[in-house]
Protein backbone atom coordinates (compact mmCIF):
# COMPACT_ATOMS: atom_id res chain seq x y z
CA MET A 1 111.68 94.60 114.32
CA ALA A 2 108.75 94.51 112.29
CA LYS A 3 107.43 92.07 110.28
CA GLY A 4 108.10 91.66 105.78
CA TYR A 5 105.02 90.76 103.91
CA TRP A 6 104.81 89.78 100.38
CA ILE A 7 101.16 91.89 98.90
CA GLY A 8 99.75 90.22 95.36
CA ARG A 9 97.13 90.54 92.89
CA VAL A 10 97.00 87.68 90.80
CA ASP A 11 95.16 87.01 87.41
CA VAL A 12 95.40 83.63 87.01
CA THR A 13 94.95 83.06 82.90
CA ASN A 14 95.10 78.88 83.37
CA PRO A 15 94.31 77.51 86.42
CA ASP A 16 95.09 74.10 85.63
CA GLY A 17 98.62 75.06 85.45
CA TYR A 18 98.82 77.40 87.89
CA LYS A 19 98.28 74.46 90.92
CA ASN A 20 101.69 73.65 89.79
CA TYR A 21 102.85 76.75 91.38
CA VAL A 22 101.13 76.52 94.23
CA ALA A 23 102.07 72.95 94.48
CA ALA A 24 105.90 74.02 94.31
CA ASN A 25 106.14 76.99 96.78
CA GLY A 26 105.22 75.69 99.66
CA ALA A 27 108.68 74.67 100.82
CA ALA A 28 110.59 78.49 99.60
CA PHE A 29 107.68 79.33 102.37
CA ALA A 30 107.91 76.86 105.01
CA LYS A 31 111.61 77.31 104.63
CA TYR A 32 111.14 81.30 105.32
CA ASP A 33 108.06 80.70 107.88
CA ALA A 34 105.77 82.33 106.11
CA ARG A 35 102.44 82.14 107.25
CA PHE A 36 99.84 82.94 104.73
CA LEU A 37 96.91 86.55 105.85
CA VAL A 38 94.90 87.15 103.11
CA ARG A 39 94.64 83.82 99.65
CA GLY A 40 92.26 84.64 98.29
CA GLY A 41 88.62 85.18 99.13
CA ALA A 42 85.66 87.63 98.90
CA TYR A 43 86.80 91.14 97.95
CA GLU A 44 85.85 94.45 96.97
CA ALA A 45 87.53 96.74 95.43
CA VAL A 46 86.80 100.40 96.24
CA GLU A 47 88.97 102.46 94.83
CA GLY A 48 91.22 102.16 91.81
CA GLU A 49 91.82 98.38 88.97
CA ALA A 50 91.65 95.01 91.51
CA ARG A 51 92.98 91.32 90.32
CA ALA A 52 90.61 88.37 90.86
CA ARG A 53 93.01 87.40 93.03
CA ASN A 54 94.58 89.04 96.39
CA VAL A 55 97.50 87.47 99.01
CA VAL A 56 99.35 88.71 101.45
CA ILE A 57 101.89 86.41 103.47
CA GLU A 58 103.89 86.66 106.75
CA PHE A 59 107.19 86.71 107.04
CA PRO A 60 108.87 87.44 111.11
CA SER A 61 110.95 90.33 109.02
CA TYR A 62 111.15 92.21 105.57
CA GLU A 63 114.48 90.74 105.29
CA GLN A 64 113.60 87.39 105.24
CA ALA A 65 110.74 87.82 102.84
CA LEU A 66 113.64 89.36 100.68
CA ALA A 67 115.14 86.74 101.09
CA CYS A 68 112.53 84.15 100.22
CA TRP A 69 112.00 85.65 97.36
CA HIS A 70 115.31 85.16 95.83
CA SER A 71 115.60 82.14 96.87
CA PRO A 72 116.15 79.25 94.80
CA GLU A 73 113.24 77.14 95.70
CA TYR A 74 111.07 80.37 95.15
CA LYS A 75 112.56 80.89 91.96
CA ALA A 76 111.75 77.62 91.03
CA ALA A 77 108.23 78.09 91.89
CA LYS A 78 108.05 80.79 90.41
CA ALA A 79 109.14 78.97 86.75
CA GLU A 80 105.49 77.58 87.76
CA ARG A 81 103.38 80.28 87.75
CA ASP A 82 105.44 82.03 84.38
CA GLY A 83 102.72 82.06 81.57
CA HIS A 84 99.72 80.85 84.04
CA ALA A 85 99.20 84.17 85.31
CA VAL A 86 99.64 87.72 85.52
CA ALA A 87 100.93 89.09 88.86
CA ASP A 88 101.85 92.62 90.52
CA ILE A 89 104.12 91.35 94.00
CA ILE A 90 105.47 94.09 96.25
CA VAL A 91 107.60 93.03 99.33
CA ILE A 92 106.97 95.47 101.45
CA GLU A 93 108.06 96.20 105.89
CA GLY A 94 105.70 96.13 108.32
CA TYR A 95 105.19 99.16 110.09
CA ASP A 96 105.81 98.82 114.35
CA GLY A 97 104.99 102.73 115.06
CA PRO A 98 102.41 104.14 117.11
CA GLN A 99 98.83 103.43 115.97
CA PRO A 100 95.74 106.24 115.95
CA ALA A 101 94.16 106.79 119.40
């Protein structure tokens, strides 16, 4: 079964308010067995537009990634982010097929 991922690009507009979101999202991520693969860090935008912060979160499955997004726990956390950041987030299924040789 393919894993699921959240890919987020975020511009934080109010760092103090954003801290509440960071503190609140752990309950949802723990419930759905999420694991951060990328959480901030150095980057270089080599093509296209970038945002200041990039995040990749891995879930055991695409279904769990979607369930987390729609969960009451994450909705409560997201309410803490609203007004403090601008985000582009996708939920995407991982790829389990053959790789280039």
